[in-house]
Amino acid sequence: MAVKIEIKGPIVSNDTAWFYHYLGWDACCPKDISGKLKEADGGEVILEINSPGGMCSSGYEIYTLLMGYTGKITAHVIV
């Protein structure tokens, strides 16, 4: 069974993501992605991306996590 990872809302730092989550706002940080990839444990991952962008450094960290993942990743960009 594939693990679905939703990347919704702005890309933010690990240190500020809690504020967005506390308010119930969509946001994604590298720590969110890292946790889901560990959960997938090398299995198939489906990304659902609907994000206006955000912090470049956090986005690059997410990119590095995804590129280092050994399992299959399918990305669906939702516009």
N, C-alpha and C. Protein backbone atom coordinates (compact mmCIF):
# COMPACT_ATOMS: atom_id res chain seq x y z
N MET A 1 0.85 -1.19 0.00
CA MET A 1 0.00 0.00 0.00
C MET A 1 0.89 1.25 0.00
N ALA A 2 0.61 2.15 -0.91
CA ALA A 2 1.40 3.37 -1.02
C ALA A 2 1.07 4.33 0.12
N VAL A 3 2.08 5.07 0.55
CA VAL A 3 1.89 6.10 1.56
C VAL A 3 1.67 7.42 0.83
N LYS A 4 0.58 8.11 1.15
CA LYS A 4 0.27 9.40 0.53
C LYS A 4 0.83 10.52 1.39
N ILE A 5 1.57 11.42 0.74
CA ILE A 5 2.12 12.59 1.43
C ILE A 5 1.51 13.83 0.79
N GLU A 6 0.81 14.62 1.59
CA GLU A 6 0.21 15.85 1.09
C GLU A 6 1.13 17.03 1.39
N ILE A 7 1.50 17.74 0.34
CA ILE A 7 2.29 18.96 0.48
C ILE A 7 1.36 20.10 0.11
N LYS A 8 0.73 20.66 1.12
CA LYS A 8 -0.27 21.71 0.90
C LYS A 8 0.11 22.96 1.69
N GLY A 9 -0.19 24.10 1.10
CA GLY A 9 0.12 25.37 1.75
C GLY A 9 1.58 25.72 1.55
N PRO A 10 2.02 26.76 2.22
CA PRO A 10 3.40 27.21 2.04
C PRO A 10 4.41 26.22 2.62
N ILE A 11 5.61 26.23 2.03
CA ILE A 11 6.73 25.46 2.57
C ILE A 11 7.38 26.33 3.64
N VAL A 12 7.42 25.83 4.86
CA VAL A 12 7.94 26.60 5.99
C VAL A 12 9.05 25.83 6.69
N SER A 13 9.71 26.49 7.61
CA SER A 13 10.78 25.83 8.37
C SER A 13 10.19 24.91 9.44
N ASN A 14 11.00 23.98 9.91
CA ASN A 14 10.58 23.10 10.99
C ASN A 14 10.20 23.89 12.24
N ASP A 15 10.89 25.00 12.46
CA ASP A 15 10.67 25.80 13.68
C ASP A 15 9.35 26.57 13.66
N THR A 16 8.81 26.86 12.47
CA THR A 16 7.57 27.65 12.41
C THR A 16 6.34 26.82 12.03
N ALA A 17 6.53 25.59 11.61
CA ALA A 17 5.40 24.76 11.17
C ALA A 17 4.37 24.58 12.27
N TRP A 18 4.82 24.47 13.51
CA TRP A 18 3.89 24.24 14.61
C TRP A 18 2.83 25.33 14.66
N PHE A 19 3.18 26.58 14.35
CA PHE A 19 2.24 27.71 14.41
C PHE A 19 1.12 27.52 13.39
N TYR A 20 1.50 27.15 12.17
CA TYR A 20 0.50 26.90 11.13
C TYR A 20 -0.41 25.75 11.53
N HIS A 21 0.17 24.67 12.02
CA HIS A 21 -0.62 23.50 12.42
C HIS A 21 -1.54 23.84 13.61
N TYR A 22 -1.04 24.64 14.53
CA TYR A 22 -1.83 25.05 15.70
C TYR A 22 -3.08 25.81 15.26
N LEU A 23 -2.91 26.68 14.25
CA LEU A 23 -4.04 27.48 13.76
C LEU A 23 -4.92 26.72 12.77
N GLY A 24 -4.50 25.50 12.42
CA GLY A 24 -5.28 24.71 11.47
C GLY A 24 -5.05 25.10 10.02
N TRP A 25 -3.96 25.83 9.76
CA TRP A 25 -3.62 26.26 8.40
C TRP A 25 -2.76 25.19 7.73
N ASP A 26 -2.91 25.10 6.42
CA ASP A 26 -2.06 24.19 5.66
C ASP A 26 -0.64 24.74 5.60
N ALA A 27 0.32 23.88 5.78
CA ALA A 27 1.74 24.20 5.65
C ALA A 27 2.50 22.88 5.65
N CYS A 28 3.70 22.92 5.11
CA CYS A 28 4.52 21.72 5.07
C CYS A 28 5.96 22.08 5.40
N CYS A 29 6.61 21.23 6.16
CA CYS A 29 8.01 21.46 6.52
C CYS A 29 8.79 20.17 6.28
N PRO A 30 10.11 20.26 6.24
CA PRO A 30 10.92 19.06 6.01
C PRO A 30 10.66 17.94 7.02
N LYS A 31 10.41 18.30 8.26
CA LYS A 31 10.16 17.29 9.30
C LYS A 31 8.90 16.47 8.97
N ASP A 32 7.88 17.11 8.39
CA ASP A 32 6.66 16.40 8.00
C ASP A 32 6.98 15.34 6.95
N ILE A 33 7.77 15.72 5.95
CA ILE A 33 8.12 14.82 4.86
C ILE A 33 9.01 13.69 5.38
N SER A 34 9.98 14.02 6.19
CA SER A 34 10.90 13.03 6.74
C SER A 34 10.13 11.94 7.50
N GLY A 35 9.17 12.35 8.31
CA GLY A 35 8.38 11.40 9.09
C GLY A 35 7.57 10.46 8.21
N LYS A 36 6.97 11.01 7.16
CA LYS A 36 6.18 10.18 6.24
C LYS A 36 7.06 9.23 5.44
N LEU A 37 8.27 9.67 5.06
CA LEU A 37 9.17 8.78 4.33
C LEU A 37 9.64 7.63 5.22
N LYS A 38 9.86 7.91 6.49
CA LYS A 38 10.22 6.83 7.43
C LYS A 38 9.07 5.85 7.57
N GLU A 39 7.86 6.37 7.59
CA GLU A 39 6.66 5.52 7.67
C GLU A 39 6.56 4.62 6.43
N ALA A 40 6.89 5.16 5.27
CA ALA A 40 6.80 4.39 4.01
C ALA A 40 7.85 3.28 3.97
N ASP A 41 8.98 3.47 4.61
CA ASP A 41 10.02 2.45 4.77
C ASP A 41 10.42 1.77 3.46
N GLY A 42 10.71 2.59 2.44
CA GLY A 42 11.16 2.05 1.16
C GLY A 42 10.06 1.66 0.21
N GLY A 43 8.82 1.72 0.67
CA GLY A 43 7.68 1.39 -0.19
C GLY A 43 7.30 2.56 -1.09
N GLU A 44 6.25 2.37 -1.85
CA GLU A 44 5.79 3.40 -2.79
C GLU A 44 5.22 4.61 -2.06
N VAL A 45 5.52 5.80 -2.58
CA VAL A 45 5.04 7.06 -2.02
C VAL A 45 4.32 7.83 -3.12
N ILE A 46 3.18 8.40 -2.78
CA ILE A 46 2.45 9.27 -3.70
C ILE A 46 2.41 10.66 -3.08
N LEU A 47 2.99 11.64 -3.80
CA LEU A 47 2.97 13.04 -3.36
C LEU A 47 1.77 13.74 -3.98
N GLU A 48 1.03 14.47 -3.19
CA GLU A 48 -0.01 15.36 -3.69
C GLU A 48 0.44 16.77 -3.35
N ILE A 49 0.79 17.53 -4.38
CA ILE A 49 1.40 18.84 -4.17
C ILE A 49 0.43 19.94 -4.59
N ASN A 50 0.11 20.82 -3.65
CA ASN A 50 -0.70 22.01 -3.90
C ASN A 50 -0.13 23.11 -3.00
N SER A 51 0.94 23.73 -3.46
CA SER A 51 1.67 24.69 -2.63
C SER A 51 2.04 25.92 -3.47
N PRO A 52 1.90 27.11 -2.86
CA PRO A 52 2.32 28.32 -3.57
C PRO A 52 3.82 28.57 -3.49
N GLY A 53 4.55 27.70 -2.81
CA GLY A 53 6.00 27.90 -2.62
C GLY A 53 6.29 28.21 -1.17
N GLY A 54 7.39 28.88 -0.93
CA GLY A 54 7.75 29.22 0.44
C GLY A 54 9.24 29.40 0.60
N MET A 55 9.75 28.92 1.72
CA MET A 55 11.16 29.09 2.04
C MET A 55 12.03 28.18 1.17
N CYS A 56 12.97 28.79 0.47
CA CYS A 56 13.86 28.03 -0.43
C CYS A 56 14.67 26.98 0.33
N SER A 57 15.20 27.34 1.48
CA SER A 57 16.05 26.39 2.22
C SER A 57 15.25 25.17 2.67
N SER A 58 14.01 25.37 3.09
CA SER A 58 13.17 24.24 3.49
C SER A 58 12.76 23.42 2.27
N GLY A 59 12.47 24.09 1.16
CA GLY A 59 12.13 23.39 -0.08
C GLY A 59 13.29 22.53 -0.56
N TYR A 60 14.49 23.05 -0.46
CA TYR A 60 15.66 22.29 -0.89
C TYR A 60 15.89 21.09 0.03
N GLU A 61 15.63 21.26 1.30
CA GLU A 61 15.77 20.14 2.24
C GLU A 61 14.76 19.04 1.89
N ILE A 62 13.54 19.43 1.54
CA ILE A 62 12.52 18.46 1.13
C ILE A 62 12.96 17.76 -0.16
N TYR A 63 13.47 18.52 -1.10
CA TYR A 63 13.98 17.95 -2.36
C TYR A 63 15.06 16.91 -2.08
N THR A 64 15.99 17.23 -1.19
CA THR A 64 17.08 16.31 -0.86
C THR A 64 16.54 15.04 -0.21
N LEU A 65 15.55 15.17 0.66
CA LEU A 65 14.93 13.99 1.28
C LEU A 65 14.29 13.10 0.23
N LEU A 66 13.57 13.70 -0.71
CA LEU A 66 12.88 12.93 -1.74
C LEU A 66 13.87 12.26 -2.69
N MET A 67 14.93 12.97 -3.06
CA MET A 67 15.92 12.41 -3.98
C MET A 67 16.70 11.27 -3.32
N GLY A 68 16.84 11.30 -2.02
CA GLY A 68 17.55 10.25 -1.30
C GLY A 68 16.70 9.04 -0.97
N TYR A 69 15.41 9.13 -1.24
CA TYR A 69 14.50 8.03 -0.93
C TYR A 69 14.69 6.90 -1.93
N THR A 70 14.77 5.67 -1.46
CA THR A 70 15.07 4.54 -2.33
C THR A 70 13.84 3.94 -3.00
N GLY A 71 12.65 4.21 -2.49
CA GLY A 71 11.44 3.65 -3.08
C GLY A 71 10.91 4.49 -4.23
N LYS A 72 9.84 4.00 -4.83
CA LYS A 72 9.20 4.71 -5.95
C LYS A 72 8.39 5.88 -5.43
N ILE A 73 8.53 7.04 -6.11
CA ILE A 73 7.77 8.23 -5.76
C ILE A 73 7.01 8.69 -6.99
N THR A 74 5.70 8.89 -6.83
CA THR A 74 4.86 9.45 -7.88
C THR A 74 4.34 10.78 -7.37
N ALA A 75 4.45 11.83 -8.20
CA ALA A 75 4.00 13.16 -7.79
C ALA A 75 2.78 13.58 -8.60
N HIS A 76 1.76 14.07 -7.92
CA HIS A 76 0.57 14.62 -8.54
C HIS A 76 0.54 16.09 -8.15
N VAL A 77 0.68 16.97 -9.14
CA VAL A 77 0.62 18.41 -8.87
C VAL A 77 -0.80 18.87 -9.10
N ILE A 78 -1.41 19.40 -8.06
CA ILE A 78 -2.80 19.84 -8.10
C ILE A 78 -2.82 21.35 -8.25
N VAL A 79 -3.47 21.81 -9.30
CA VAL A 79 -3.49 23.26 -9.56
C VAL A 79 -4.87 23.79 -9.30
